[in-house]
């Protein structure tokens, strides 16, 4: 059980480092070469978010806020209007983050090799 929690902690710490300080986190990752697979973390998280978005969030919002029926007033319309914007922003952010990590991967790979 300790092995599971320590592995989960290490992966979480690297993922947070890649989000907050990608340059400083990618450097030791390239030297150790054990966690290079973590450079694909943005695409994995994007796939997970899209899955949860389509299965949980969108049906729940459509059920509770009646997005297509036109009832509910301005508050509900703003929530229904904001969902596609939030989804597009998340997709853009994850793709941009993935491109940055791929650039850093190639850059450090060439510097080491």
N, C-alpha and C. Protein backbone atom coordinates (compact mmCIF):
# COMPACT_ATOMS: atom_id res chain seq x y z
N UNK A 1 0.82 -1.19 0.00
CA UNK A 1 0.00 0.00 0.00
C UNK A 1 0.87 1.26 0.00
N UNK A 2 1.99 1.20 0.74
CA UNK A 2 2.90 2.34 0.76
C UNK A 2 3.48 2.61 -0.63
N UNK A 3 3.76 1.53 -1.36
CA UNK A 3 4.30 1.68 -2.71
C UNK A 3 3.31 2.40 -3.62
N UNK A 4 2.03 2.04 -3.49
CA UNK A 4 1.00 2.69 -4.30
C UNK A 4 0.90 4.18 -3.98
N UNK A 5 0.84 4.50 -2.70
CA UNK A 5 0.71 5.91 -2.31
C UNK A 5 1.96 6.72 -2.65
N UNK A 6 3.13 6.15 -2.51
CA UNK A 6 4.34 6.89 -2.86
C UNK A 6 4.45 7.08 -4.37
N UNK A 7 4.02 6.09 -5.14
CA UNK A 7 4.01 6.25 -6.60
C UNK A 7 3.01 7.31 -7.02
N UNK A 8 1.83 7.27 -6.42
CA UNK A 8 0.80 8.26 -6.72
C UNK A 8 1.28 9.66 -6.35
N UNK A 9 1.98 9.79 -5.22
CA UNK A 9 2.52 11.08 -4.80
C UNK A 9 3.59 11.57 -5.78
N UNK A 10 4.47 10.69 -6.23
CA UNK A 10 5.52 11.09 -7.17
C UNK A 10 4.93 11.54 -8.50
N UNK A 11 3.97 10.81 -8.99
CA UNK A 11 3.33 11.18 -10.26
C UNK A 11 2.58 12.50 -10.12
N UNK A 12 1.89 12.69 -9.00
CA UNK A 12 1.19 13.95 -8.76
C UNK A 12 2.15 15.12 -8.64
N UNK A 13 3.27 14.90 -7.98
CA UNK A 13 4.27 15.96 -7.82
C UNK A 13 4.88 16.35 -9.17
N UNK A 14 5.17 15.37 -10.00
CA UNK A 14 5.72 15.65 -11.33
C UNK A 14 4.68 16.35 -12.19
N UNK A 15 3.43 15.91 -12.12
CA UNK A 15 2.37 16.55 -12.92
C UNK A 15 2.19 18.00 -12.50
N UNK A 16 2.20 18.26 -11.21
CA UNK A 16 2.08 19.64 -10.75
C UNK A 16 3.30 20.46 -11.17
N UNK A 17 4.47 19.86 -11.12
CA UNK A 17 5.67 20.55 -11.58
C UNK A 17 5.62 20.85 -13.06
N UNK A 18 5.10 19.93 -13.85
CA UNK A 18 4.97 20.18 -15.29
C UNK A 18 3.97 21.29 -15.57
N UNK A 19 2.99 21.43 -14.71
CA UNK A 19 2.00 22.49 -14.89
C UNK A 19 2.54 23.85 -14.46
N UNK A 20 3.18 23.90 -13.29
CA UNK A 20 3.61 25.18 -12.74
C UNK A 20 4.99 25.62 -13.25
N UNK A 21 5.93 24.69 -13.37
CA UNK A 21 7.29 25.01 -13.78
C UNK A 21 7.78 23.98 -14.79
N UNK A 22 7.28 24.03 -16.02
CA UNK A 22 7.64 22.96 -16.97
C UNK A 22 9.13 22.90 -17.29
N UNK A 23 9.79 24.04 -17.39
CA UNK A 23 11.21 24.03 -17.74
C UNK A 23 12.04 23.37 -16.65
N UNK A 24 11.81 23.77 -15.38
CA UNK A 24 12.60 23.22 -14.28
C UNK A 24 12.25 21.77 -13.98
N UNK A 25 11.06 21.34 -14.33
CA UNK A 25 10.68 19.95 -14.09
C UNK A 25 11.17 19.04 -15.21
N UNK A 26 11.18 19.54 -16.43
CA UNK A 26 11.57 18.71 -17.57
C UNK A 26 13.07 18.39 -17.54
N UNK A 27 13.87 19.31 -17.02
CA UNK A 27 15.32 19.08 -16.98
C UNK A 27 15.69 17.83 -16.18
N UNK A 28 15.27 17.69 -14.92
CA UNK A 28 15.61 16.46 -14.20
C UNK A 28 14.93 15.22 -14.76
N UNK A 29 13.75 15.39 -15.37
CA UNK A 29 13.08 14.25 -15.98
C UNK A 29 13.91 13.68 -17.12
N UNK A 30 14.53 14.54 -17.88
CA UNK A 30 15.35 14.09 -19.01
C UNK A 30 16.65 13.47 -18.53
N UNK A 31 17.15 13.90 -17.40
CA UNK A 31 18.38 13.31 -16.88
C UNK A 31 18.12 11.92 -16.31
N UNK A 32 17.00 11.73 -15.64
CA UNK A 32 16.67 10.44 -15.05
C UNK A 32 16.10 9.46 -16.08
N UNK A 33 15.32 9.96 -17.03
CA UNK A 33 14.71 9.20 -18.13
C UNK A 33 13.71 8.14 -17.68
N UNK A 34 13.31 8.15 -16.43
CA UNK A 34 12.32 7.18 -15.96
C UNK A 34 10.91 7.72 -16.21
N UNK A 35 10.74 9.01 -16.02
CA UNK A 35 9.41 9.61 -16.12
C UNK A 35 9.20 10.37 -17.42
N UNK A 36 9.88 9.99 -18.49
CA UNK A 36 9.69 10.68 -19.77
C UNK A 36 8.25 10.50 -20.26
N UNK A 37 7.64 9.39 -19.91
CA UNK A 37 6.25 9.16 -20.33
C UNK A 37 5.31 10.22 -19.76
N UNK A 38 5.73 10.91 -18.71
CA UNK A 38 4.89 11.95 -18.11
C UNK A 38 4.74 13.17 -19.01
N UNK A 39 5.55 13.26 -20.07
CA UNK A 39 5.38 14.38 -21.00
C UNK A 39 4.05 14.29 -21.74
N UNK A 40 3.44 13.12 -21.74
CA UNK A 40 2.13 12.95 -22.37
C UNK A 40 0.98 13.21 -21.41
N UNK A 41 1.29 13.71 -20.22
CA UNK A 41 0.27 13.96 -19.21
C UNK A 41 -0.82 14.92 -19.67
N UNK A 42 -0.51 16.01 -20.41
CA UNK A 42 -1.60 16.90 -20.85
C UNK A 42 -2.61 16.20 -21.76
N UNK A 43 -2.16 15.34 -22.65
CA UNK A 43 -3.09 14.67 -23.54
C UNK A 43 -3.91 13.62 -22.79
N UNK A 44 -3.30 12.96 -21.82
CA UNK A 44 -4.04 11.99 -21.01
C UNK A 44 -5.10 12.71 -20.17
N UNK A 45 -4.69 13.84 -19.58
CA UNK A 45 -5.66 14.59 -18.77
C UNK A 45 -6.76 15.18 -19.66
N UNK A 46 -6.42 15.60 -20.88
CA UNK A 46 -7.45 16.10 -21.79
C UNK A 46 -8.43 15.00 -22.17
N UNK A 47 -7.93 13.82 -22.43
CA UNK A 47 -8.82 12.71 -22.76
C UNK A 47 -9.74 12.38 -21.59
N UNK A 48 -9.19 12.40 -20.38
CA UNK A 48 -10.01 12.14 -19.19
C UNK A 48 -11.06 13.22 -18.99
N UNK A 49 -10.67 14.48 -19.18
CA UNK A 49 -11.62 15.58 -19.02
C UNK A 49 -12.72 15.50 -20.08
N UNK A 50 -12.37 15.20 -21.31
CA UNK A 50 -13.38 15.08 -22.38
C UNK A 50 -14.34 13.94 -22.06
N UNK A 51 -13.80 12.83 -21.59
CA UNK A 51 -14.66 11.69 -21.23
C UNK A 51 -15.63 12.07 -20.12
N UNK A 52 -15.11 12.66 -19.06
CA UNK A 52 -15.98 13.08 -17.95
C UNK A 52 -16.95 14.17 -18.37
N UNK A 53 -16.50 15.06 -19.24
CA UNK A 53 -17.33 16.16 -19.71
C UNK A 53 -18.55 15.62 -20.45
N UNK A 54 -18.31 14.67 -21.35
CA UNK A 54 -19.42 14.16 -22.16
C UNK A 54 -20.32 13.20 -21.39
N UNK A 55 -19.78 12.48 -20.45
CA UNK A 55 -20.57 11.49 -19.72
C UNK A 55 -21.28 12.09 -18.52
N UNK A 56 -20.63 13.05 -17.82
CA UNK A 56 -21.19 13.54 -16.56
C UNK A 56 -21.69 14.98 -16.66
N UNK A 57 -20.84 15.89 -17.07
CA UNK A 57 -21.15 17.32 -16.95
C UNK A 57 -22.26 17.76 -17.90
N UNK A 58 -22.10 17.50 -19.18
CA UNK A 58 -23.08 17.98 -20.16
C UNK A 58 -24.48 17.40 -19.92
N UNK A 59 -24.63 16.08 -19.72
CA UNK A 59 -25.98 15.59 -19.45
C UNK A 59 -26.60 16.16 -18.17
N UNK A 60 -25.78 16.34 -17.14
CA UNK A 60 -26.29 16.90 -15.89
C UNK A 60 -26.76 18.33 -16.07
N UNK A 61 -25.96 19.13 -16.76
CA UNK A 61 -26.33 20.53 -16.98
C UNK A 61 -27.58 20.62 -17.85
N UNK A 62 -27.65 19.82 -18.89
CA UNK A 62 -28.84 19.83 -19.74
C UNK A 62 -30.08 19.35 -18.98
N UNK A 63 -29.90 18.44 -18.06
CA UNK A 63 -31.03 17.94 -17.29
C UNK A 63 -31.53 19.00 -16.30
N UNK A 64 -30.62 19.64 -15.58
CA UNK A 64 -31.03 20.57 -14.53
C UNK A 64 -31.32 21.98 -15.03
N UNK A 65 -30.69 22.40 -16.11
CA UNK A 65 -30.84 23.79 -16.54
C UNK A 65 -31.67 23.95 -17.81
N UNK A 66 -32.14 22.90 -18.41
CA UNK A 66 -33.00 22.96 -19.60
C UNK A 66 -32.43 23.88 -20.66
N UNK A 67 -31.25 23.58 -21.14
CA UNK A 67 -30.55 24.46 -22.08
C UNK A 67 -31.28 24.59 -23.41
N UNK A 68 -31.96 23.57 -23.85
CA UNK A 68 -32.58 23.64 -25.17
C UNK A 68 -34.03 24.10 -25.15
N UNK A 69 -34.64 24.15 -24.00
CA UNK A 69 -36.07 24.47 -23.98
C UNK A 69 -36.34 25.97 -23.93
N UNK A 70 -35.36 26.77 -23.56
CA UNK A 70 -35.56 28.21 -23.51
C UNK A 70 -36.19 28.70 -22.22
N UNK A 71 -36.50 27.81 -21.30
CA UNK A 71 -37.06 28.23 -20.01
C UNK A 71 -35.91 28.35 -19.01
N UNK A 72 -36.11 29.18 -18.01
CA UNK A 72 -35.13 29.24 -16.95
C UNK A 72 -34.51 30.60 -16.75
N UNK A 73 -34.66 31.49 -17.68
CA UNK A 73 -34.17 32.85 -17.49
C UNK A 73 -32.73 33.04 -17.90
N UNK A 74 -32.25 34.24 -17.59
CA UNK A 74 -30.92 34.67 -18.03
C UNK A 74 -29.80 33.87 -17.36
N UNK A 75 -29.96 33.51 -16.09
CA UNK A 75 -28.92 32.78 -15.36
C UNK A 75 -28.64 31.43 -16.02
N UNK A 76 -29.70 30.71 -16.38
CA UNK A 76 -29.52 29.41 -16.99
C UNK A 76 -28.95 29.52 -18.39
N UNK A 77 -29.36 30.54 -19.13
CA UNK A 77 -28.82 30.73 -20.47
C UNK A 77 -27.34 31.05 -20.43
N UNK A 78 -26.90 31.82 -19.43
CA UNK A 78 -25.47 32.13 -19.33
C UNK A 78 -24.66 30.89 -18.99
N UNK A 79 -25.22 30.00 -18.16
CA UNK A 79 -24.52 28.76 -17.85
C UNK A 79 -24.43 27.89 -19.10
N UNK A 80 -25.51 27.78 -19.83
CA UNK A 80 -25.51 26.96 -21.04
C UNK A 80 -24.61 27.56 -22.12
N UNK A 81 -24.51 28.89 -22.16
CA UNK A 81 -23.63 29.54 -23.13
C UNK A 81 -22.17 29.39 -22.73
N UNK A 82 -21.88 29.36 -21.43
CA UNK A 82 -20.51 29.28 -20.95
C UNK A 82 -19.88 27.91 -21.07
N UNK A 83 -20.68 26.86 -21.16
CA UNK A 83 -20.13 25.52 -21.25
C UNK A 83 -19.26 25.29 -22.48
N UNK A 84 -19.71 25.64 -23.68
CA UNK A 84 -18.82 25.44 -24.84
C UNK A 84 -17.55 26.29 -24.76
N UNK A 85 -17.65 27.50 -24.21
CA UNK A 85 -16.47 28.34 -24.06
C UNK A 85 -15.47 27.68 -23.12
N UNK A 86 -15.94 27.15 -22.00
CA UNK A 86 -15.06 26.48 -21.05
C UNK A 86 -14.43 25.23 -21.68
N UNK A 87 -15.20 24.49 -22.43
CA UNK A 87 -14.67 23.29 -23.09
C UNK A 87 -13.60 23.66 -24.11
N UNK A 88 -13.86 24.67 -24.92
CA UNK A 88 -12.86 25.09 -25.91
C UNK A 88 -11.60 25.63 -25.27
N UNK A 89 -11.75 26.35 -24.17
CA UNK A 89 -10.59 26.87 -23.46
C UNK A 89 -9.74 25.73 -22.90
N UNK A 90 -10.38 24.71 -22.35
CA UNK A 90 -9.66 23.57 -21.80
C UNK A 90 -8.91 22.81 -22.88
N UNK A 91 -9.53 22.63 -24.02
CA UNK A 91 -8.87 21.95 -25.14
C UNK A 91 -7.68 22.75 -25.61
N UNK A 92 -7.85 24.06 -25.77
CA UNK A 92 -6.74 24.92 -26.19
C UNK A 92 -5.59 24.87 -25.19
N UNK A 93 -5.90 24.95 -23.89
CA UNK A 93 -4.87 24.94 -22.87
C UNK A 93 -4.09 23.64 -22.88
N UNK A 94 -4.78 22.51 -22.96
CA UNK A 94 -4.08 21.22 -22.93
C UNK A 94 -3.22 21.01 -24.18
N UNK A 95 -3.71 21.43 -25.33
CA UNK A 95 -2.91 21.30 -26.56
C UNK A 95 -1.69 22.21 -26.50
N UNK A 96 -1.87 23.43 -26.03
CA UNK A 96 -0.75 24.36 -25.89
C UNK A 96 0.28 23.82 -24.89
N UNK A 97 -0.19 23.29 -23.78
CA UNK A 97 0.69 22.71 -22.77
C UNK A 97 1.44 21.51 -23.32
N UNK A 98 0.76 20.68 -24.11
CA UNK A 98 1.41 19.52 -24.72
C UNK A 98 2.48 19.95 -25.70
N UNK A 99 2.20 20.97 -26.50
CA UNK A 99 3.21 21.47 -27.44
C UNK A 99 4.43 22.01 -26.71
N UNK A 100 4.21 22.70 -25.62
CA UNK A 100 5.32 23.22 -24.82
C UNK A 100 6.17 22.08 -24.28
N UNK A 101 5.54 21.04 -23.74
CA UNK A 101 6.30 19.92 -23.20
C UNK A 101 7.04 19.16 -24.29
N UNK A 102 6.44 19.04 -25.47
CA UNK A 102 7.14 18.38 -26.58
C UNK A 102 8.35 19.20 -27.02
N UNK A 103 8.20 20.51 -27.06
CA UNK A 103 9.33 21.38 -27.40
C UNK A 103 10.45 21.21 -26.38
N UNK A 104 10.12 21.23 -25.08
CA UNK A 104 11.14 21.07 -24.06
C UNK A 104 11.78 19.68 -24.11
N UNK A 105 11.00 18.66 -24.41
CA UNK A 105 11.52 17.31 -24.55
C UNK A 105 12.57 17.25 -25.64
N UNK A 106 12.24 17.80 -26.81
CA UNK A 106 13.19 17.79 -27.93
C UNK A 106 14.41 18.64 -27.59
N UNK A 107 14.19 19.76 -26.97
CA UNK A 107 15.31 20.65 -26.64
C UNK A 107 16.29 19.99 -25.68
N UNK A 108 15.79 19.38 -24.61
CA UNK A 108 16.67 18.74 -23.64
C UNK A 108 17.25 17.44 -24.18
N UNK A 109 16.51 16.76 -25.03
CA UNK A 109 17.00 15.54 -25.63
C UNK A 109 18.22 15.84 -26.50
N UNK A 110 18.14 16.91 -27.28
CA UNK A 110 19.27 17.31 -28.13
C UNK A 110 20.44 17.81 -27.31
N UNK A 111 20.16 18.47 -26.18
CA UNK A 111 21.24 19.00 -25.35
C UNK A 111 21.98 17.87 -24.63
N UNK A 112 21.25 16.85 -24.21
CA UNK A 112 21.89 15.73 -23.50
C UNK A 112 22.59 14.79 -24.47
N UNK A 113 21.90 14.49 -25.57
CA UNK A 113 22.40 13.49 -26.50
C UNK A 113 23.39 14.03 -27.45
